[in-house]
């Protein structure tokens, strides 16, 4: 016997109502999801760029032995409390590199809020007598430290030190010459200096003299003088390394 029509109507009505509820849920989801995404992105942006949750909380320094940690921190001027994303690490690096003993620096940040400054210090290759002390000069010709007494192991170079381009070039050229010297010269020299970029001269402990000339081809000149010293002479000229001379 067929079911009453009212039963079929109730079933159809229930299906229609369920479909309408499903459609409403879908509309709500389509509207709500983008809103939630925007709110989430806004929360992340706020946390990263404006809140103190991800901010600079402390500074660590390593790699320094000549410049004190206090000096580097004072130069760095890290603005504690600044959100990490807004921290200008390039400016911090530039300020740290202005410390005379610092050749370079790397500045990194961690999610824990620690700002890490890793310092590479200058290494002296020779000294220049200045006033009552000595100026320590690195391999690039930069004078970065004045000390009261001559450090062991660093040769003294006679140069005029001032802020002129000529003086700065002489200091850089002197670094090139000194770092190229072979042990046969370094252990015997008593004086090295120059008045112009082409007149580097070295006095040895036996009274003989080496005319080095310019800093150009210093590596080749080092090889030539290393063999030339086997010749008994008072004067060695390697200013033109392809045509050395003695007398």
Protein backbone atom coordinates (compact mmCIF):
# COMPACT_ATOMS: atom_id res chain seq x y z
CA UNK A 1 0.00 0.00 0.00
CA UNK A 2 1.60 3.42 -0.98
CA UNK A 3 2.92 5.74 1.83
CA UNK A 4 0.84 8.82 2.55
CA UNK A 5 1.71 11.92 0.48
CA UNK A 6 2.30 13.93 3.64
CA UNK A 7 5.33 11.73 4.42
CA UNK A 8 6.88 12.49 1.03
CA UNK A 9 6.28 16.22 1.58
CA UNK A 10 7.96 16.14 4.98
CA UNK A 11 10.97 14.29 3.51
CA UNK A 12 11.33 16.81 0.67
CA UNK A 13 11.00 19.72 3.09
CA UNK A 14 13.76 18.29 5.30
CA UNK A 15 16.04 17.86 2.31
CA UNK A 16 15.41 21.45 1.18
CA UNK A 17 16.09 22.78 4.66
CA UNK A 18 19.35 20.80 4.88
CA UNK A 19 20.45 22.10 1.49
CA UNK A 20 19.70 25.66 2.58
CA UNK A 21 21.71 25.17 5.79
CA UNK A 22 24.60 23.76 3.75
CA UNK A 23 24.47 26.75 1.39
CA UNK A 24 24.43 29.16 4.34
CA UNK A 25 27.42 27.41 5.92
CA UNK A 26 29.31 27.64 2.65
CA UNK A 27 28.52 31.35 2.33
CA UNK A 28 29.67 31.93 5.91
CA UNK A 29 32.89 30.00 5.27
CA UNK A 30 33.56 31.93 2.05
CA UNK A 31 33.17 35.20 3.92
CA UNK A 32 34.81 34.17 7.21
CA UNK A 33 37.95 32.51 5.85
CA UNK A 34 39.30 35.61 4.05
CA UNK A 35 38.50 37.71 7.14
CA UNK A 36 40.33 35.25 9.39
CA UNK A 37 43.31 35.22 6.97
CA UNK A 38 43.46 39.02 7.00
CA UNK A 39 43.24 39.07 10.79
CA UNK A 40 45.98 36.44 11.05
CA UNK A 41 48.26 38.35 8.67
CA UNK A 42 47.58 41.54 10.61
CA UNK A 43 48.46 39.81 13.87
CA UNK A 44 51.70 38.49 12.38
CA UNK A 45 52.63 41.90 10.96
CA UNK A 46 51.92 43.54 14.30
CA UNK A 47 53.93 40.92 16.21
CA UNK A 48 56.90 41.19 13.84
CA UNK A 49 56.98 44.92 13.14
CA UNK A 50 55.44 46.63 16.16
CA UNK A 51 55.17 44.47 19.26
CA UNK A 52 57.89 43.74 21.81
CA UNK A 53 57.43 39.98 21.43
CA UNK A 54 60.12 39.78 18.72
CA UNK A 55 62.36 42.67 19.71
CA UNK A 56 66.06 43.21 20.37
CA UNK A 57 66.66 42.25 23.99
CA UNK A 58 70.44 41.89 24.34
CA UNK A 59 73.73 42.14 22.41
CA UNK A 60 76.60 39.66 22.26
CA UNK A 61 80.05 40.51 20.88
CA UNK A 62 82.83 38.11 19.89
CA UNK A 63 86.06 38.13 17.89
CA UNK A 64 87.47 41.18 19.66
CA UNK A 65 90.72 41.26 21.61
CA UNK A 66 92.15 44.70 20.87
CA UNK A 67 88.93 46.72 21.04
CA UNK A 68 86.98 46.25 24.26
CA UNK A 69 83.45 44.90 24.25
CA UNK A 70 82.29 48.11 25.90
CA UNK A 71 83.84 50.15 23.07
CA UNK A 72 82.11 48.04 20.43
CA UNK A 73 78.75 48.18 22.22
CA UNK A 74 79.05 51.96 22.52
CA UNK A 75 79.81 52.24 18.80
CA UNK A 76 77.07 49.79 17.76
CA UNK A 77 74.28 51.75 19.50
CA UNK A 78 71.85 48.84 19.18
CA UNK A 79 68.36 50.19 20.02
CA UNK A 80 67.13 47.54 22.45
CA UNK A 81 63.37 47.08 22.38
CA UNK A 82 63.18 47.69 18.63
CA UNK A 83 61.30 44.93 16.74
CA UNK A 84 63.81 42.65 15.05
CA UNK A 85 62.30 43.22 11.59
CA UNK A 86 62.84 46.97 11.92
CA UNK A 87 66.39 46.71 13.23
CA UNK A 88 68.87 48.31 10.80
CA UNK A 89 71.75 45.83 10.95
CA UNK A 90 73.63 47.57 8.11
CA UNK A 91 73.82 50.79 10.12
CA UNK A 92 74.98 48.87 13.19
CA UNK A 93 77.70 47.20 11.10
CA UNK A 94 78.82 50.56 9.70
CA UNK A 95 79.11 52.05 13.18
CA UNK A 96 81.09 49.07 14.49
CA UNK A 97 83.47 49.22 11.52
CA UNK A 98 84.26 52.82 12.50
CA UNK A 99 86.12 51.47 15.56
CA UNK A 100 89.80 51.79 14.54
CA UNK A 101 90.75 48.23 15.49
CA UNK A 102 87.85 46.69 13.54
CA UNK A 103 88.41 45.62 9.94
CA UNK A 104 84.94 44.18 9.46
CA UNK A 105 81.88 43.05 11.39
CA UNK A 106 78.84 40.85 10.86
CA UNK A 107 75.55 41.61 12.62
CA UNK A 108 72.88 38.93 12.94
CA UNK A 109 69.63 38.68 14.89
CA UNK A 110 67.89 35.68 16.45
CA UNK A 111 64.25 35.09 17.35
CA UNK A 112 65.30 34.98 20.99
CA UNK A 113 66.07 38.69 20.71
CA UNK A 114 69.86 38.36 20.89
CA UNK A 115 71.81 40.60 18.48
CA UNK A 116 75.12 38.96 17.65
CA UNK A 117 78.06 41.14 16.54
CA UNK A 118 81.00 39.14 15.21
CA UNK A 119 84.12 41.28 14.83
CA UNK A 120 87.14 40.77 12.58
CA UNK A 121 89.99 42.88 13.92
CA UNK A 122 92.86 44.41 12.01
CA UNK A 123 96.20 42.64 12.19
CA UNK A 124 99.37 44.73 12.31
CA UNK A 125 102.11 44.05 9.76
CA UNK A 126 104.47 46.93 10.58
CA UNK A 127 104.87 49.96 12.82
CA UNK A 128 105.79 53.61 12.33
CA UNK A 129 107.42 55.73 15.02
CA UNK A 130 105.11 58.62 15.86
CA UNK A 131 105.72 61.05 18.69
CA UNK A 132 106.57 59.07 21.81
CA UNK A 133 105.00 55.85 20.57
CA UNK A 134 104.35 53.67 17.56
CA UNK A 135 101.49 53.47 15.08
CA UNK A 136 100.51 49.90 14.19
CA UNK A 137 99.55 49.51 10.51
CA UNK A 138 97.59 46.65 8.95
CA UNK A 139 98.00 44.88 5.59
CA UNK A 140 95.86 47.47 3.81
CA UNK A 141 97.99 50.35 5.06
CA UNK A 142 95.57 51.56 7.72
CA UNK A 143 97.11 52.83 10.95
CA UNK A 144 94.71 51.66 13.64
CA UNK A 145 96.45 51.56 17.00
CA UNK A 146 99.05 53.66 18.81
CA UNK A 147 101.16 51.88 21.42
CA UNK A 148 103.88 53.23 23.76
CA UNK A 149 106.47 50.56 22.90
CA UNK A 150 107.30 48.61 19.76
CA UNK A 151 105.47 45.25 19.56
CA UNK A 152 107.70 42.24 18.98
CA UNK A 153 107.78 40.78 15.49
CA UNK A 154 106.65 43.90 13.64
CA UNK A 155 109.26 45.71 11.52
CA UNK A 156 109.57 49.48 11.88
CA UNK A 157 109.08 51.43 8.65
CA UNK A 158 110.26 55.02 8.20
CA UNK A 159 107.48 57.03 6.59
CA UNK A 160 105.90 60.44 6.93
CA UNK A 161 102.41 59.96 8.33
CA UNK A 162 99.72 62.51 7.52
CA UNK A 163 96.31 62.63 5.86
CA UNK A 164 97.55 63.43 2.35
CA UNK A 165 96.83 60.95 -0.45
CA UNK A 166 100.57 60.56 -1.02
CA UNK A 167 101.15 59.52 2.58
CA UNK A 168 98.20 57.12 2.54
CA UNK A 169 99.53 55.51 -0.64
CA UNK A 170 103.00 55.13 0.89
CA UNK A 171 101.51 53.41 3.92
CA UNK A 172 99.57 50.99 1.70
CA UNK A 173 102.62 50.33 -0.50
CA UNK A 174 104.77 49.74 2.59
CA UNK A 175 102.30 47.07 3.73
CA UNK A 176 102.62 45.35 0.34
CA UNK A 177 106.42 45.41 0.53
CA UNK A 178 106.67 44.25 4.14
CA UNK A 179 104.26 41.35 3.73
CA UNK A 180 106.22 40.16 0.66
CA UNK A 181 109.67 40.17 2.30
CA UNK A 182 111.33 36.75 2.52
CA UNK A 183 112.78 35.61 5.84
CA UNK A 184 116.29 36.10 4.43
CA UNK A 185 115.59 39.85 4.40
CA UNK A 186 113.12 40.17 7.27
CA UNK A 187 115.51 38.63 9.82
CA UNK A 188 118.43 40.82 8.73
CA UNK A 189 116.93 44.22 8.01
CA UNK A 190 117.65 47.10 10.36
CA UNK A 191 115.71 49.79 8.50
CA UNK A 192 113.12 50.11 5.75
CA UNK A 193 111.61 53.27 4.40
CA UNK A 194 110.73 55.44 1.42
CA UNK A 195 110.35 59.09 0.51
CA UNK A 196 108.32 58.36 -2.62
CA UNK A 197 106.36 55.30 -3.83
CA UNK A 198 109.29 54.27 -6.06
CA UNK A 199 112.13 54.47 -3.54
CA UNK A 200 111.63 51.76 -0.92
CA UNK A 201 115.04 50.90 0.49
CA UNK A 202 116.11 48.29 3.02
CA UNK A 203 119.26 48.36 5.18
CA UNK A 204 120.65 45.01 6.32
CA UNK A 205 122.58 44.18 9.48
CA UNK A 206 125.91 43.79 7.62
CA UNK A 207 125.74 47.33 6.27
CA UNK A 208 124.52 46.35 2.81
CA UNK A 209 121.53 47.98 1.16
CA UNK A 210 118.63 46.70 -0.93
CA UNK A 211 116.87 48.99 -3.40
CA UNK A 212 113.37 47.57 -3.59
CA UNK A 213 111.87 50.38 -5.64
CA UNK A 214 108.08 50.44 -5.84
CA UNK A 215 105.61 47.98 -4.30
CA UNK A 216 104.84 46.66 -7.79
CA UNK A 217 105.91 43.05 -8.41
CA UNK A 218 106.85 42.64 -4.73
CA UNK A 219 106.23 38.89 -4.82
CA UNK A 220 108.68 38.50 -7.73
CA UNK A 221 111.19 40.84 -6.09
CA UNK A 222 111.05 38.69 -2.96
CA UNK A 223 112.03 35.62 -4.99
CA UNK A 224 114.84 37.50 -6.74
CA UNK A 225 116.38 39.00 -3.59
CA UNK A 226 116.18 35.67 -1.79
CA UNK A 227 118.60 34.21 -4.33
CA UNK A 228 120.57 37.40 -4.92
CA UNK A 229 121.70 37.61 -1.30
CA UNK A 230 123.95 34.64 -1.97
CA UNK A 231 126.14 37.08 -3.88
CA UNK A 232 128.65 38.92 -1.67
CA UNK A 233 127.85 42.57 -2.32
CA UNK A 234 127.13 45.86 -0.58
CA UNK A 235 124.24 46.91 -2.79
CA UNK A 236 121.39 44.89 -4.22
CA UNK A 237 118.99 46.39 -6.75
CA UNK A 238 115.74 44.51 -7.38
CA UNK A 239 113.72 47.53 -8.40
CA UNK A 240 113.51 45.92 -11.83
CA UNK A 241 113.25 42.23 -10.89
CA UNK A 242 113.81 41.02 -14.45
CA UNK A 243 117.19 42.84 -14.44
CA UNK A 244 118.58 42.71 -10.87
CA UNK A 245 122.00 44.17 -10.13
CA UNK A 246 124.63 44.08 -7.42
CA UNK A 247 127.81 45.93 -6.67
